[in-house]
């Protein structure tokens, strides 16, 4: 079995999201899809709007944490049929997508509950660092909240 990869270089493209949805149309045991898209905000720091975020990670450890979250989700949400997670590495501009979580289940309640739980676990457990880029002013390291 091919090992899952959870990282994608640069932004998660809208075409990737739509292709992921389209691939599931033949799976007739699915009654609900829930998608979370984390988008880079142009927060204002030091009176300057953030240009983007540069993501970095200890990838080996992060991939292991993503795998634990994946296993946890299927053990916890018995109706879950599919789970896809992609997180950006490298530069992602304000307005672009940096996190894609796609949960499918037989029924909507488990898809909704799973997606919120999974996103919260990613933020709390996965060692990913964010450097907010300020045009002409360098950068500011941030932490997950």
Protein backbone atom coordinates (compact mmCIF):
# COMPACT_ATOMS: atom_id res chain seq x y z
CA UNK A 1 0.00 0.00 0.00
CA UNK A 2 1.31 3.44 -0.96
CA UNK A 3 2.20 5.67 2.00
CA UNK A 4 -0.01 8.74 2.28
CA UNK A 5 1.58 12.13 1.89
CA UNK A 6 -0.04 15.01 3.69
CA UNK A 7 2.03 17.91 2.41
CA UNK A 8 1.76 19.84 -0.83
CA UNK A 9 4.28 22.42 -2.04
CA UNK A 10 2.75 25.89 -2.20
CA UNK A 11 -0.97 26.66 -2.08
CA UNK A 12 -3.71 24.05 -2.37
CA UNK A 13 -5.20 24.88 -5.75
CA UNK A 14 -8.99 25.06 -6.32
CA UNK A 15 -8.59 22.50 -9.11
CA UNK A 16 -7.17 20.02 -6.60
CA UNK A 17 -10.23 20.53 -4.37
CA UNK A 18 -12.70 20.07 -7.23
CA UNK A 19 -10.87 16.98 -8.53
CA UNK A 20 -11.01 15.46 -5.04
CA UNK A 21 -14.77 16.00 -4.90
CA UNK A 22 -15.28 14.62 -8.41
CA UNK A 23 -13.36 11.42 -7.60
CA UNK A 24 -15.93 10.59 -4.91
CA UNK A 25 -19.05 10.74 -7.08
CA UNK A 26 -18.83 7.03 -7.86
CA UNK A 27 -18.75 6.06 -4.17
CA UNK A 28 -22.46 5.56 -3.57
CA UNK A 29 -22.13 4.61 0.12
CA UNK A 30 -21.28 8.24 0.91
CA UNK A 31 -24.14 10.49 1.99
CA UNK A 32 -22.15 13.52 3.11
CA UNK A 33 -18.92 15.35 2.41
CA UNK A 34 -17.56 18.03 4.66
CA UNK A 35 -14.66 20.19 3.55
CA UNK A 36 -12.51 22.59 5.53
CA UNK A 37 -10.37 25.05 3.62
CA UNK A 38 -7.87 27.08 5.64
CA UNK A 39 -7.13 30.34 3.83
CA UNK A 40 -4.25 32.73 4.52
CA UNK A 41 -5.56 36.03 5.88
CA UNK A 42 -3.98 39.41 5.17
CA UNK A 43 -3.81 40.25 8.88
CA UNK A 44 -2.35 43.64 9.70
CA UNK A 45 0.87 43.46 11.73
CA UNK A 46 2.86 46.56 12.59
CA UNK A 47 0.37 48.53 10.41
CA UNK A 48 1.29 46.40 7.37
CA UNK A 49 -0.92 43.73 5.78
CA UNK A 50 0.57 40.24 5.74
CA UNK A 51 1.62 39.30 2.20
CA UNK A 52 1.53 35.57 2.86
CA UNK A 53 2.74 32.80 5.11
CA UNK A 54 5.78 30.64 4.63
CA UNK A 55 5.12 27.19 6.12
CA UNK A 56 7.83 24.83 7.28
CA UNK A 57 7.73 21.58 9.21
CA UNK A 58 9.72 18.76 10.65
CA UNK A 59 8.16 16.66 7.88
CA UNK A 60 8.95 13.19 9.18
CA UNK A 61 7.44 13.96 12.58
CA UNK A 62 4.55 15.91 11.05
CA UNK A 63 3.66 13.06 8.65
CA UNK A 64 3.62 10.67 11.63
CA UNK A 65 1.26 13.01 13.52
CA UNK A 66 -1.01 13.32 10.48
CA UNK A 67 -1.09 9.53 10.29
CA UNK A 68 -2.07 9.30 13.99
CA UNK A 69 -4.88 11.79 13.37
CA UNK A 70 -6.03 9.78 10.35
CA UNK A 71 -6.09 6.54 12.38
CA UNK A 72 -7.83 8.28 15.29
CA UNK A 73 -10.53 9.67 12.99
CA UNK A 74 -11.43 6.27 11.54
CA UNK A 75 -11.42 4.67 15.00
CA UNK A 76 -13.61 7.42 16.46
CA UNK A 77 -16.08 8.11 13.65
CA UNK A 78 -17.47 4.74 12.60
CA UNK A 79 -19.45 6.22 9.70
CA UNK A 80 -16.37 7.90 8.17
CA UNK A 81 -15.62 6.47 4.72
CA UNK A 82 -12.87 8.77 3.38
CA UNK A 83 -10.47 11.31 4.83
CA UNK A 84 -8.03 13.45 2.88
CA UNK A 85 -5.66 16.00 4.40
CA UNK A 86 -3.27 18.30 2.55
CA UNK A 87 -1.22 21.04 4.20
CA UNK A 88 0.98 23.52 2.39
CA UNK A 89 4.72 23.86 2.74
CA UNK A 90 6.55 26.89 1.43
CA UNK A 91 5.03 30.24 0.51
CA UNK A 92 1.25 30.71 0.36
CA UNK A 93 -0.03 34.18 -0.51
CA UNK A 94 -2.88 35.92 1.30
CA UNK A 95 -6.16 34.66 -0.15
CA UNK A 96 -4.78 31.22 -1.07
CA UNK A 97 -5.60 27.90 0.61
CA UNK A 98 -3.02 26.33 2.94
CA UNK A 99 -5.05 23.52 4.53
CA UNK A 100 -7.52 21.12 2.89
CA UNK A 101 -9.41 18.58 4.98
CA UNK A 102 -12.05 16.49 3.22
CA UNK A 103 -14.14 14.04 5.28
CA UNK A 104 -16.79 11.77 3.80
CA UNK A 105 -19.29 9.71 5.75
CA UNK A 106 -22.53 7.84 5.31
CA UNK A 107 -24.35 10.64 7.17
CA UNK A 108 -23.72 14.37 7.69
CA UNK A 109 -23.44 14.43 11.49
CA UNK A 110 -20.27 12.32 11.55
CA UNK A 111 -18.77 14.29 8.64
CA UNK A 112 -19.40 17.59 10.48
CA UNK A 113 -18.11 16.31 13.82
CA UNK A 114 -15.07 14.65 12.30
CA UNK A 115 -13.97 17.69 10.31
CA UNK A 116 -13.97 20.03 13.32
CA UNK A 117 -12.18 17.50 15.51
CA UNK A 118 -9.56 16.74 12.84
CA UNK A 119 -8.79 20.41 12.13
CA UNK A 120 -8.41 21.12 15.86
CA UNK A 121 -6.05 18.14 16.24
CA UNK A 122 -3.95 19.28 13.27
CA UNK A 123 -3.55 22.72 14.82
CA UNK A 124 -2.67 21.25 18.25
CA UNK A 125 -0.50 18.26 17.32
CA UNK A 126 1.28 18.69 14.00
CA UNK A 127 4.68 20.47 14.13
CA UNK A 128 4.19 23.08 11.42
CA UNK A 129 5.71 26.54 11.72
CA UNK A 130 4.33 29.72 10.17
CA UNK A 131 6.34 32.76 9.20
CA UNK A 132 4.07 35.67 8.25
CA UNK A 133 5.73 37.68 5.50
CA UNK A 134 5.51 41.46 5.68
CA UNK A 135 6.40 43.31 2.45
CA UNK A 136 9.57 45.31 2.97
CA UNK A 137 9.59 44.56 6.69
CA UNK A 138 10.78 40.97 6.96
CA UNK A 139 8.65 38.44 8.82
CA UNK A 140 6.94 37.52 12.10
CA UNK A 141 6.80 33.95 13.47
CA UNK A 142 3.32 32.98 14.64
CA UNK A 143 1.84 30.12 16.63
CA UNK A 144 -1.43 28.24 16.26
CA UNK A 145 -4.33 29.46 18.37
